[in-house]
Amino acid sequence: MNLEEKFAFMATGKPYDDMDPLLLAVRDEATAKTDALNNEHDPAKRNALFRELVGQTGFKPFVNPNFHCEFGRNIRVGDHFYANYDCTILDGAPVTIGNHVLFGPKVGLYTSNHLFDPLERQLGGCIAKPIVVGDGCWLAANVTVLPGVTIGAGTIIGAGSVVTHDIPARVIAAGNPCEVLREITAADKTGFAGHDMI
């Protein structure tokens, strides 16, 4: 099985060998790229390195150090993606992030899980499920998103939340486990007319 076939297999959610030499090589490559990114102080150069690291990126991403990922190539981000400090994305399965998405400090998206059986876990068995973050979402500081979760467009996830299941669009949700608190409505508009990023 070549690398592309291996990633396609991993995206099915079936168990795979996390210590496969092909995967180890890609992880090492991603580590080298993130090291370069995190040691680059010029934002334009840092964002160029981010573009080289991930599978696909839209217009004007901005990523603060220290950014970490497992493979990079399974990450797809839309226009105006912003990641604050210490973002971690484990992309054993595809991670799709929409346009105008904001991540607070220490946000973590984790597509991968070790297998539950102790022996299978010792042998390096893992599974991975895709994560989707819709357009216009804001994930506040220290949010953790677990495998298989989809967060609907425009939603806010409160600081410190652990997102274990899908969250619908245009809501404020928070907690461990994360639950919907209320909808985002016209009453939330303030009339702010700042810098147009569209």
C-alpha atoms as a PDB file:
ATOM      1  CA  MET A   1       0.000   0.000   0.000  1.00  0.00           C
ATOM      2  CA  ASN A   2       1.487   3.349  -1.036  1.00  0.00           C
ATOM      3  CA  LEU A   3       1.142   6.508   1.034  1.00  0.00           C
ATOM      4  CA  GLU A   4      -1.945   7.875  -0.743  1.00  0.00           C
ATOM      5  CA  GLU A   5      -3.694   4.505  -0.421  1.00  0.00           C
ATOM      6  CA  LYS A   6      -2.723   4.379   3.245  1.00  0.00           C
ATOM      7  CA  PHE A   7      -4.226   7.808   3.967  1.00  0.00           C
ATOM      8  CA  ALA A   8      -7.381   6.839   2.051  1.00  0.00           C
ATOM      9  CA  PHE A   9      -7.641   3.677   4.169  1.00  0.00           C
ATOM     10  CA  MET A  10      -7.123   5.639   7.398  1.00  0.00           C
ATOM     11  CA  ALA A  11      -9.953   8.016   6.411  1.00  0.00           C
ATOM     12  CA  THR A  12     -12.404   5.064   6.414  1.00  0.00           C
ATOM     13  CA  GLY A  13     -12.208   4.821  10.213  1.00  0.00           C
ATOM     14  CA  LYS A  14     -10.765   1.296  10.157  1.00  0.00           C
ATOM     15  CA  PRO A  15      -7.843   0.361  12.462  1.00  0.00           C
ATOM     16  CA  TYR A  16      -4.368   1.138  11.129  1.00  0.00           C
ATOM     17  CA  ASP A  17      -0.773   0.714  12.288  1.00  0.00           C
ATOM     18  CA  ASP A  18       0.310   4.044  13.751  1.00  0.00           C
ATOM     19  CA  MET A  19       3.959   2.933  13.659  1.00  0.00           C
ATOM     20  CA  ASP A  20       3.981   2.153   9.927  1.00  0.00           C
ATOM     21  CA  PRO A  21       7.345   3.294   8.463  1.00  0.00           C
ATOM     22  CA  LEU A  22       5.616   5.366   5.762  1.00  0.00           C
ATOM     23  CA  LEU A  23       3.621   7.256   8.398  1.00  0.00           C
ATOM     24  CA  LEU A  24       6.681   7.736  10.594  1.00  0.00           C
ATOM     25  CA  ALA A  25       8.536   9.309   7.655  1.00  0.00           C
ATOM     26  CA  VAL A  26       5.690  11.746   6.927  1.00  0.00           C
ATOM     27  CA  ARG A  27       5.462  12.648  10.630  1.00  0.00           C
ATOM     28  CA  ASP A  28       9.196  13.386  10.685  1.00  0.00           C
ATOM     29  CA  GLU A  29       8.800  15.581   7.608  1.00  0.00           C
ATOM     30  CA  ALA A  30       5.890  17.462   9.225  1.00  0.00           C
ATOM     31  CA  THR A  31       7.919  17.951  12.416  1.00  0.00           C
ATOM     32  CA  ALA A  32      10.776  19.490  10.430  1.00  0.00           C
ATOM     33  CA  LYS A  33       8.366  21.829   8.647  1.00  0.00           C
ATOM     34  CA  THR A  34       6.598  22.894  11.852  1.00  0.00           C
ATOM     35  CA  ASP A  35       9.971  23.508  13.504  1.00  0.00           C
ATOM     36  CA  ALA A  36      10.872  25.862  10.642  1.00  0.00           C
ATOM     37  CA  LEU A  37       7.458  27.552  10.818  1.00  0.00           C
ATOM     38  CA  ASN A  38       7.616  28.054  14.584  1.00  0.00           C
ATOM     39  CA  ASN A  39      11.120  29.533  14.445  1.00  0.00           C
ATOM     40  CA  GLU A  40      10.232  32.035  11.710  1.00  0.00           C
ATOM     41  CA  HIS A  41       9.526  35.515  13.125  1.00  0.00           C
ATOM     42  CA  ASP A  42       8.413  37.136   9.863  1.00  0.00           C
ATOM     43  CA  PRO A  43       4.626  36.530   9.615  1.00  0.00           C
ATOM     44  CA  ALA A  44       4.637  36.477   5.795  1.00  0.00           C
ATOM     45  CA  LYS A  45       7.399  33.863   5.692  1.00  0.00           C
ATOM     46  CA  ARG A  46       5.724  31.874   8.474  1.00  0.00           C
ATOM     47  CA  ASN A  47       2.458  31.788   6.539  1.00  0.00           C
ATOM     48  CA  ALA A  48       4.307  30.691   3.391  1.00  0.00           C
ATOM     49  CA  LEU A  49       5.755  27.787   5.391  1.00  0.00           C
ATOM     50  CA  PHE A  50       2.234  26.966   6.614  1.00  0.00           C
ATOM     51  CA  ARG A  51       1.073  26.758   2.991  1.00  0.00           C
ATOM     52  CA  GLU A  52       3.866  24.263   2.268  1.00  0.00           C
ATOM     53  CA  LEU A  53       2.911  22.178   5.301  1.00  0.00           C
ATOM     54  CA  VAL A  54      -0.840  21.694   4.869  1.00  0.00           C
ATOM     55  CA  GLY A  55      -2.755  19.967   2.091  1.00  0.00           C
ATOM     56  CA  GLN A  56      -4.709  23.047   1.017  1.00  0.00           C
ATOM     57  CA  THR A  57      -5.122  26.621   2.189  1.00  0.00           C
ATOM     58  CA  GLY A  58      -7.152  29.586   1.060  1.00  0.00           C
ATOM     59  CA  PHE A  59      -6.426  33.322   0.982  1.00  0.00           C
ATOM     60  CA  LYS A  60      -4.421  34.957   3.789  1.00  0.00           C
ATOM     61  CA  PRO A  61      -3.987  32.361   6.527  1.00  0.00           C
ATOM     62  CA  PHE A  62      -2.337  33.623   9.723  1.00  0.00           C
ATOM     63  CA  VAL A  63      -0.799  31.112  12.105  1.00  0.00           C
ATOM     64  CA  ASN A  64       0.987  32.022  15.335  1.00  0.00           C
ATOM     65  CA  PRO A  65       3.662  29.762  16.811  1.00  0.00           C
ATOM     66  CA  ASN A  66       3.776  27.155  18.142  1.00  0.00           C
ATOM     67  CA  PHE A  67       1.721  25.273  15.553  1.00  0.00           C
ATOM     68  CA  HIS A  68       1.885  21.477  15.549  1.00  0.00           C
ATOM     69  CA  CYS A  69       0.336  18.809  13.352  1.00  0.00           C
ATOM     70  CA  GLU A  70       0.775  15.103  12.755  1.00  0.00           C
ATOM     71  CA  PHE A  71       1.023  14.954   8.950  1.00  0.00           C
ATOM     72  CA  GLY A  72      -0.123  18.325   7.592  1.00  0.00           C
ATOM     73  CA  ARG A  73      -1.253  16.988   4.243  1.00  0.00           C
ATOM     74  CA  ASN A  74      -4.708  16.018   5.605  1.00  0.00           C
ATOM     75  CA  ILE A  75      -5.461  19.614   6.706  1.00  0.00           C
ATOM     76  CA  ARG A  76      -7.527  21.888   4.469  1.00  0.00           C
ATOM     77  CA  VAL A  77      -8.280  25.471   5.501  1.00  0.00           C
ATOM     78  CA  GLY A  78     -10.344  28.167   3.814  1.00  0.00           C
ATOM     79  CA  ASP A  79      -9.775  31.902   3.406  1.00  0.00           C
ATOM     80  CA  HIS A  80      -8.691  34.061   6.373  1.00  0.00           C
ATOM     81  CA  PHE A  81      -7.956  31.193   8.752  1.00  0.00           C
ATOM     82  CA  TYR A  82      -6.466  32.452  12.027  1.00  0.00           C
ATOM     83  CA  ALA A  83      -4.795  30.188  14.582  1.00  0.00           C
ATOM     84  CA  ASN A  84      -3.604  31.751  17.828  1.00  0.00           C
ATOM     85  CA  TYR A  85      -0.671  30.372  19.830  1.00  0.00           C
ATOM     86  CA  ASP A  86      -0.087  26.656  20.465  1.00  0.00           C
ATOM     87  CA  CYS A  87      -2.573  25.129  18.029  1.00  0.00           C
ATOM     88  CA  THR A  88      -2.345  21.341  17.588  1.00  0.00           C
ATOM     89  CA  ILE A  89      -4.037  19.341  14.816  1.00  0.00           C
ATOM     90  CA  LEU A  90      -3.648  15.558  14.659  1.00  0.00           C
ATOM     91  CA  ASP A  91      -4.723  14.854  11.099  1.00  0.00           C
ATOM     92  CA  GLY A  92      -4.793  11.074  10.778  1.00  0.00           C
ATOM     93  CA  ALA A  93      -8.100  11.668   8.954  1.00  0.00           C
ATOM     94  CA  PRO A  94      -9.068  14.768   6.952  1.00  0.00           C
ATOM     95  CA  VAL A  95      -9.505  18.048   8.847  1.00  0.00           C
ATOM     96  CA  THR A  96     -11.576  20.606   6.938  1.00  0.00           C
ATOM     97  CA  ILE A  97     -11.688  24.175   8.259  1.00  0.00           C
ATOM     98  CA  GLY A  98     -13.899  26.731   6.512  1.00  0.00           C
ATOM     99  CA  ASN A  99     -13.490  30.409   5.645  1.00  0.00           C
ATOM    100  CA  HIS A 100     -13.058  33.093   8.333  1.00  0.00           C
ATOM    101  CA  VAL A 101     -12.440  30.595  11.136  1.00  0.00           C
ATOM    102  CA  LEU A 102     -10.745  31.796  14.345  1.00  0.00           C
ATOM    103  CA  PHE A 103      -8.895  29.536  16.800  1.00  0.00           C
ATOM    104  CA  GLY A 104      -7.996  30.844  20.252  1.00  0.00           C
ATOM    105  CA  PRO A 105      -4.790  29.838  22.049  1.00  0.00           C
ATOM    106  CA  LYS A 106      -4.199  26.127  22.658  1.00  0.00           C
ATOM    107  CA  VAL A 107      -7.000  24.832  20.446  1.00  0.00           C
ATOM    108  CA  GLY A 108      -6.608  21.137  19.639  1.00  0.00           C
ATOM    109  CA  LEU A 109      -8.291  19.101  16.887  1.00  0.00           C
ATOM    110  CA  TYR A 110      -7.682  15.362  17.242  1.00  0.00           C
ATOM    111  CA  THR A 111      -8.926  12.996  14.525  1.00  0.00           C
ATOM    112  CA  SER A 112      -7.053   9.980  15.918  1.00  0.00           C
ATOM    113  CA  ASN A 113      -7.740   7.624  18.800  1.00  0.00           C
ATOM    114  CA  HIS A 114      -5.697   4.719  20.110  1.00  0.00           C
ATOM    115  CA  LEU A 115      -7.564   1.401  20.084  1.00  0.00           C
ATOM    116  CA  PHE A 116      -9.314   0.539  23.338  1.00  0.00           C
ATOM    117  CA  ASP A 117      -8.027  -3.027  23.732  1.00  0.00           C
ATOM    118  CA  PRO A 118      -4.717  -2.820  25.679  1.00  0.00           C
ATOM    119  CA  LEU A 119      -2.853  -5.360  23.522  1.00  0.00           C
ATOM    120  CA  GLU A 120      -3.991  -3.794  20.254  1.00  0.00           C
ATOM    121  CA  ARG A 121      -3.015  -0.400  21.660  1.00  0.00           C
ATOM    122  CA  GLN A 122       0.481  -1.695  22.564  1.00  0.00           C
ATOM    123  CA  LEU A 123       0.848  -2.920  18.978  1.00  0.00           C
ATOM    124  CA  GLY A 124       0.281   0.618  17.663  1.00  0.00           C
ATOM    125  CA  GLY A 125      -3.355   0.263  16.633  1.00  0.00           C
ATOM    126  CA  CYS A 126      -5.243   3.509  15.984  1.00  0.00           C
ATOM    127  CA  ILE A 127      -8.402   4.725  14.273  1.00  0.00           C
ATOM    128  CA  ALA A 128      -9.124   8.160  12.815  1.00  0.00           C
ATOM    129  CA  LYS A 129     -12.327  10.018  11.928  1.00  0.00           C
ATOM    130  CA  PRO A 130     -12.626  13.333  10.035  1.00  0.00           C
ATOM    131  CA  ILE A 131     -13.264  16.700  11.693  1.00  0.00           C
ATOM    132  CA  VAL A 132     -15.101  19.586   9.992  1.00  0.00           C
ATOM    133  CA  VAL A 133     -15.239  23.188  11.257  1.00  0.00           C
ATOM    134  CA  GLY A 134     -17.697  25.295   9.246  1.00  0.00           C
ATOM    135  CA  ASP A 135     -17.301  28.813   7.858  1.00  0.00           C
ATOM    136  CA  GLY A 136     -17.195  31.669  10.358  1.00  0.00           C
ATOM    137  CA  CYS A 137     -16.656  29.572  13.485  1.00  0.00           C
ATOM    138  CA  TRP A 138     -14.743  30.772  16.539  1.00  0.00           C
ATOM    139  CA  LEU A 139     -13.168  28.169  18.800  1.00  0.00           C
ATOM    140  CA  ALA A 140     -12.054  29.975  21.970  1.00  0.00           C
ATOM    141  CA  ALA A 141      -8.986  29.191  24.092  1.00  0.00           C
ATOM    142  CA  ASN A 142      -8.252  25.600  25.102  1.00  0.00           C
ATOM    143  CA  VAL A 143     -11.044  24.034  23.040  1.00  0.00           C
ATOM    144  CA  THR A 144     -10.581  20.321  22.303  1.00  0.00           C
ATOM    145  CA  VAL A 145     -12.363  18.751  19.317  1.00  0.00           C
ATOM    146  CA  LEU A 146     -12.498  14.941  19.262  1.00  0.00           C
ATOM    147  CA  PRO A 147     -12.624  12.505  16.301  1.00  0.00           C
ATOM    148  CA  GLY A 148     -15.591  12.554  13.949  1.00  0.00           C
ATOM    149  CA  VAL A 149     -17.021  15.937  15.011  1.00  0.00           C
ATOM    150  CA  THR A 150     -18.630  18.482  12.679  1.00  0.00           C
ATOM    151  CA  ILE A 151     -19.164  22.050  13.928  1.00  0.00           C
ATOM    152  CA  GLY A 152     -21.732  24.015  11.930  1.00  0.00           C
ATOM    153  CA  ALA A 153     -21.072  27.387  10.281  1.00  0.00           C
ATOM    154  CA  GLY A 154     -20.977  30.514  12.444  1.00  0.00           C
ATOM    155  CA  THR A 155     -20.854  28.661  15.746  1.00  0.00           C
ATOM    156  CA  ILE A 156     -18.877  29.756  18.816  1.00  0.00           C
ATOM    157  CA  ILE A 157     -17.316  27.117  21.074  1.00  0.00           C
ATOM    158  CA  GLY A 158     -16.583  28.499  24.558  1.00  0.00           C
ATOM    159  CA  ALA A 159     -13.166  28.380  26.205  1.00  0.00           C
ATOM    160  CA  GLY A 160     -12.116  25.068  27.723  1.00  0.00           C
ATOM    161  CA  SER A 161     -14.826  23.049  25.976  1.00  0.00           C
ATOM    162  CA  VAL A 162     -14.424  19.412  24.949  1.00  0.00           C
ATOM    163  CA  VAL A 163     -16.446  18.792  21.779  1.00  0.00           C
ATOM    164  CA  THR A 164     -17.423  15.119  21.677  1.00  0.00           C
ATOM    165  CA  HIS A 165     -20.317  15.257  19.183  1.00  0.00           C
ATOM    166  CA  ASP A 166     -21.621  17.380  16.308  1.00  0.00           C
ATOM    167  CA  ILE A 167     -22.662  20.968  17.081  1.00  0.00           C
ATOM    168  CA  PRO A 168     -25.195  22.747  14.812  1.00  0.00           C
ATOM    169  CA  ALA A 169     -24.693  26.030  12.958  1.00  0.00           C
ATOM    170  CA  ARG A 170     -25.051  29.517  14.501  1.00  0.00           C
ATOM    171  CA  VAL A 171     -25.078  28.573  18.161  1.00  0.00           C
ATOM    172  CA  ILE A 172     -22.986  29.254  21.240  1.00  0.00           C
ATOM    173  CA  ALA A 173     -21.902  25.988  22.830  1.00  0.00           C
ATOM    174  CA  ALA A 174     -19.625  25.249  25.773  1.00  0.00           C
ATOM    175  CA  GLY A 175     -18.739  22.747  28.466  1.00  0.00           C
ATOM    176  CA  ASN A 176     -17.282  19.297  28.998  1.00  0.00           C
ATOM    177  CA  PRO A 177     -18.920  17.682  27.180  1.00  0.00           C
ATOM    178  CA  CYS A 178     -19.768  20.663  24.981  1.00  0.00           C
ATOM    179  CA  GLU A 179     -23.500  21.399  24.736  1.00  0.00           C
ATOM    180  CA  VAL A 180     -25.527  24.091  22.982  1.00  0.00           C
ATOM    181  CA  LEU A 181     -26.301  27.069  25.242  1.00  0.00           C
ATOM    182  CA  ARG A 182     -28.284  29.214  22.810  1.00  0.00           C
ATOM    183  CA  GLU A 183     -28.655  30.331  19.202  1.00  0.00           C
ATOM    184  CA  ILE A 184     -26.808  33.308  17.737  1.00  0.00           C
ATOM    185  CA  THR A 185     -29.506  35.808  16.684  1.00  0.00           C
ATOM    186  CA  ALA A 186     -29.932  39.304  15.250  1.00  0.00           C
ATOM    187  CA  ALA A 187     -29.858  40.582  18.844  1.00  0.00           C
ATOM    188  CA  ASP A 188     -26.147  39.693  18.939  1.00  0.00           C
ATOM    189  CA  LYS A 189     -25.317  42.315  16.299  1.00  0.00           C
ATOM    190  CA  THR A 190     -23.574  45.388  17.744  1.00  0.00           C
ATOM    191  CA  GLY A 191     -23.357  47.570  14.635  1.00  0.00           C
ATOM    192  CA  PHE A 192     -19.570  47.176  14.532  1.00  0.00           C
ATOM    193  CA  ALA A 193     -18.206  48.165  11.119  1.00  0.00           C
ATOM    194  CA  GLY A 194     -14.488  47.547  11.456  1.00  0.00           C
ATOM    195  CA  HIS A 195     -11.942  46.303   8.962  1.00  0.00           C
ATOM    196  CA  ASP A 196     -13.564  44.425   6.076  1.00  0.00           C
ATOM    197  CA  MET A 197     -11.719  41.117   5.636  1.00  0.00           C
ATOM    198  CA  ILE A 198     -13.969  39.712   2.897  1.00  0.00           C
END
